[in-house]
Amino acid sequence: MLRLDRERCAELAGVLPSDTLSYLQEVGVPEHVTFRGLDFAFEPQLRPILDGAMFQIADVDRGLCTATIQRHTGVLGLVTQEPPAPAWSFMNSSLAQFFTCLSASEDLWELEAANRIAREARGELLESRIRAIDPAALVDKEGPWAALVEEVRAGVV
């Protein structure tokens, strides 16, 4: 696991929520995670981007986009570099909630592999688990978690 050192946490105190800094220092993030076919390469040094409004936490698919933590709120989002200007989209209310939702989706695949859940019930189960972890993750129907739930319901994944 990659962790943020004490010195960097001290530098970011007041800029990022204390729970975000605690998570990065105590729990940390894995080097790589695959979510919806995208490879997240984490780098927890939190380089400021977009005039300091965001901090880069991961490079996604070798530059396709950047996973960011929003200044002051700790909200996790994605920034794409499409013209005319970078665009930001919400993912989760926090980094911890992203990893908890990711774990819930992995649990679903394990239940299915063990034949412990009917294929038709997967979407409902995933939606209820994500809603319990981070209700905001499902608000945007075009967002990554809502799209995953719909893909699971449709049997695409």
Protein backbone atom coordinates (compact mmCIF):
# COMPACT_ATOMS: atom_id res chain seq x y z
CA MET A 1 0.00 0.00 0.00
CA LEU A 2 1.14 3.51 -0.79
CA ARG A 3 0.82 5.98 2.07
CA LEU A 4 1.18 9.72 2.45
CA ASP A 5 4.04 10.67 4.75
CA ARG A 6 3.56 12.85 7.84
CA GLU A 7 5.32 15.83 6.33
CA ARG A 8 3.04 15.93 3.29
CA CYS A 9 -0.01 15.46 5.54
CA ALA A 10 1.11 18.45 7.59
CA GLU A 11 1.51 20.53 4.41
CA LEU A 12 -2.03 19.64 3.31
CA ALA A 13 -3.71 20.15 6.71
CA GLY A 14 -6.55 22.61 6.25
CA VAL A 15 -6.46 22.13 2.48
CA LEU A 16 -7.91 18.61 2.50
CA PRO A 17 -10.29 17.15 5.09
CA SER A 18 -8.61 15.47 8.04
CA ASP A 19 -10.39 12.17 7.31
CA THR A 20 -8.92 12.15 3.79
CA LEU A 21 -5.42 12.80 5.11
CA SER A 22 -5.84 10.17 7.85
CA TYR A 23 -7.00 7.62 5.28
CA LEU A 24 -4.02 8.32 3.03
CA GLN A 25 -1.57 8.18 5.92
CA GLU A 26 -2.96 5.22 7.87
CA VAL A 27 -4.71 3.02 5.31
CA GLY A 28 -3.11 4.13 2.06
CA VAL A 29 -3.95 3.21 -1.50
CA PRO A 30 -2.86 0.28 -3.67
CA GLU A 31 -0.44 0.95 -6.50
CA HIS A 32 -2.90 -0.25 -9.15
CA VAL A 33 -6.64 -0.86 -9.28
CA THR A 34 -8.81 -1.79 -12.23
CA PHE A 35 -12.30 -0.31 -12.23
CA ARG A 36 -14.67 -0.76 -15.18
CA GLY A 37 -11.72 -1.77 -17.35
CA LEU A 38 -9.73 1.35 -16.47
CA ASP A 39 -6.33 1.02 -14.82
CA PHE A 40 -5.83 3.44 -11.92
CA ALA A 41 -2.13 3.94 -11.11
CA PHE A 42 -2.13 5.64 -7.71
CA GLU A 43 0.44 8.19 -6.65
CA PRO A 44 -0.49 9.58 -3.24
CA GLN A 45 1.79 12.62 -3.29
CA LEU A 46 -1.23 14.72 -4.30
CA ARG A 47 0.18 17.03 -6.95
CA PRO A 48 -2.08 20.10 -7.30
CA ILE A 49 -3.81 20.50 -10.68
CA LEU A 50 -6.41 22.85 -12.16
CA ASP A 51 -4.99 25.86 -10.33
CA GLY A 52 -4.94 23.96 -7.04
CA ALA A 53 -8.67 23.14 -7.07
CA MET A 54 -7.87 19.43 -7.28
CA PHE A 55 -5.07 17.10 -6.26
CA GLN A 56 -4.03 14.23 -8.51
CA ILE A 57 -4.32 10.87 -6.75
CA ALA A 58 -4.06 8.56 -9.78
CA ASP A 59 -3.28 8.44 -13.45
CA VAL A 60 -6.03 6.57 -15.27
CA ASP A 61 -5.21 4.45 -18.32
CA ARG A 62 -1.87 6.13 -18.92
CA GLY A 63 -3.22 9.64 -19.28
CA LEU A 64 -6.75 9.03 -20.55
CA CYS A 65 -7.84 10.95 -17.47
CA THR A 66 -6.76 11.76 -13.94
CA ALA A 67 -8.38 10.71 -10.67
CA THR A 68 -8.48 13.69 -8.35
CA ILE A 69 -9.38 14.68 -4.84
CA GLN A 70 -11.18 18.00 -4.60
CA ARG A 71 -9.67 20.68 -2.39
CA HIS A 72 -11.50 21.17 0.95
CA THR A 73 -14.22 18.55 0.27
CA GLY A 74 -12.15 15.41 -0.34
CA VAL A 75 -14.55 14.40 -3.12
CA LEU A 76 -13.07 11.93 -5.62
CA GLY A 77 -13.57 12.70 -9.29
CA LEU A 78 -12.13 12.25 -12.74
CA VAL A 79 -10.63 14.97 -14.90
CA THR A 80 -10.46 14.47 -18.64
CA GLN A 81 -8.23 16.61 -20.83
CA GLU A 82 -10.67 16.98 -23.68
CA PRO A 83 -10.78 20.33 -25.49
CA PRO A 84 -11.60 23.10 -25.01
CA ALA A 85 -10.92 22.73 -21.26
CA PRO A 86 -10.50 19.95 -18.73
CA ALA A 87 -13.79 18.49 -17.53
CA TRP A 88 -14.37 17.15 -14.02
CA SER A 89 -16.88 14.43 -13.11
CA PHE A 90 -17.92 13.10 -9.71
CA MET A 91 -17.05 9.54 -8.67
CA ASN A 92 -17.43 9.24 -4.90
CA SER A 93 -17.85 11.45 -1.87
CA SER A 94 -14.44 10.31 -0.62
CA LEU A 95 -11.50 8.11 -1.45
CA ALA A 96 -12.50 5.69 1.31
CA GLN A 97 -15.99 5.37 -0.18
CA PHE A 98 -14.51 4.65 -3.62
CA PHE A 99 -12.53 1.72 -2.23
CA THR A 100 -15.50 0.48 -0.21
CA CYS A 101 -17.75 0.59 -3.30
CA LEU A 102 -15.03 -1.15 -5.29
CA SER A 103 -14.89 -3.87 -2.63
CA ALA A 104 -18.68 -4.25 -2.81
CA SER A 105 -18.48 -4.77 -6.57
CA GLU A 106 -15.70 -7.35 -6.13
CA ASP A 107 -17.83 -9.14 -3.52
CA LEU A 108 -20.62 -9.35 -6.09
CA TRP A 109 -18.34 -11.11 -8.59
CA GLU A 110 -17.26 -13.55 -5.88
CA LEU A 111 -20.89 -14.30 -4.98
CA GLU A 112 -21.64 -14.95 -8.63
CA ALA A 113 -18.59 -17.17 -9.10
CA ALA A 114 -19.68 -19.24 -6.10
CA ASN A 115 -23.26 -19.46 -7.47
CA ARG A 116 -24.56 -17.72 -4.35
CA ILE A 117 -26.59 -15.08 -6.21
CA ALA A 118 -28.95 -15.28 -9.16
CA ARG A 119 -27.79 -13.32 -12.19
CA GLU A 120 -31.07 -11.37 -12.17
CA ALA A 121 -30.48 -10.19 -8.58
CA ARG A 122 -26.97 -8.84 -9.10
CA GLY A 123 -27.93 -5.30 -10.16
CA GLU A 124 -30.29 -4.81 -7.23
CA LEU A 125 -27.71 -6.08 -4.75
CA LEU A 126 -24.94 -3.88 -6.16
CA GLU A 127 -27.19 -0.82 -6.17
CA SER A 128 -28.29 -1.37 -2.57
CA ARG A 129 -24.70 -1.82 -1.39
CA ILE A 130 -23.43 1.26 -3.21
CA ARG A 131 -26.39 3.30 -1.96
CA ALA A 132 -25.57 2.23 1.62
CA ILE A 133 -21.90 3.21 1.20
CA ASP A 134 -22.25 6.45 -0.79
CA PRO A 135 -25.74 7.48 -1.96
CA ALA A 136 -24.26 10.39 -3.93
CA ALA A 137 -22.42 7.90 -6.17
CA LEU A 138 -25.72 6.94 -7.83
CA VAL A 139 -27.24 10.41 -8.29
CA ASP A 140 -25.74 11.02 -11.73
CA LYS A 141 -27.22 8.34 -14.01
CA GLU A 142 -24.21 8.82 -16.33
CA GLY A 143 -21.74 8.44 -13.44
CA PRO A 144 -19.48 5.39 -13.24
CA TRP A 145 -21.31 3.59 -10.41
CA ALA A 146 -24.80 4.15 -11.83
CA ALA A 147 -23.57 3.01 -15.24
CA LEU A 148 -22.03 -0.12 -13.71
CA VAL A 149 -25.27 -0.95 -11.90
CA GLU A 150 -27.20 -0.62 -15.18
CA GLU A 151 -24.67 -2.75 -17.04
CA VAL A 152 -24.93 -5.45 -14.37
CA ARG A 153 -28.75 -5.31 -14.57
CA ALA A 154 -28.64 -5.60 -18.35
CA GLY A 155 -26.23 -8.53 -18.16
CA VAL A 156 -23.51 -6.66 -20.05
CA VAL A 157 -21.03 -7.40 -17.25
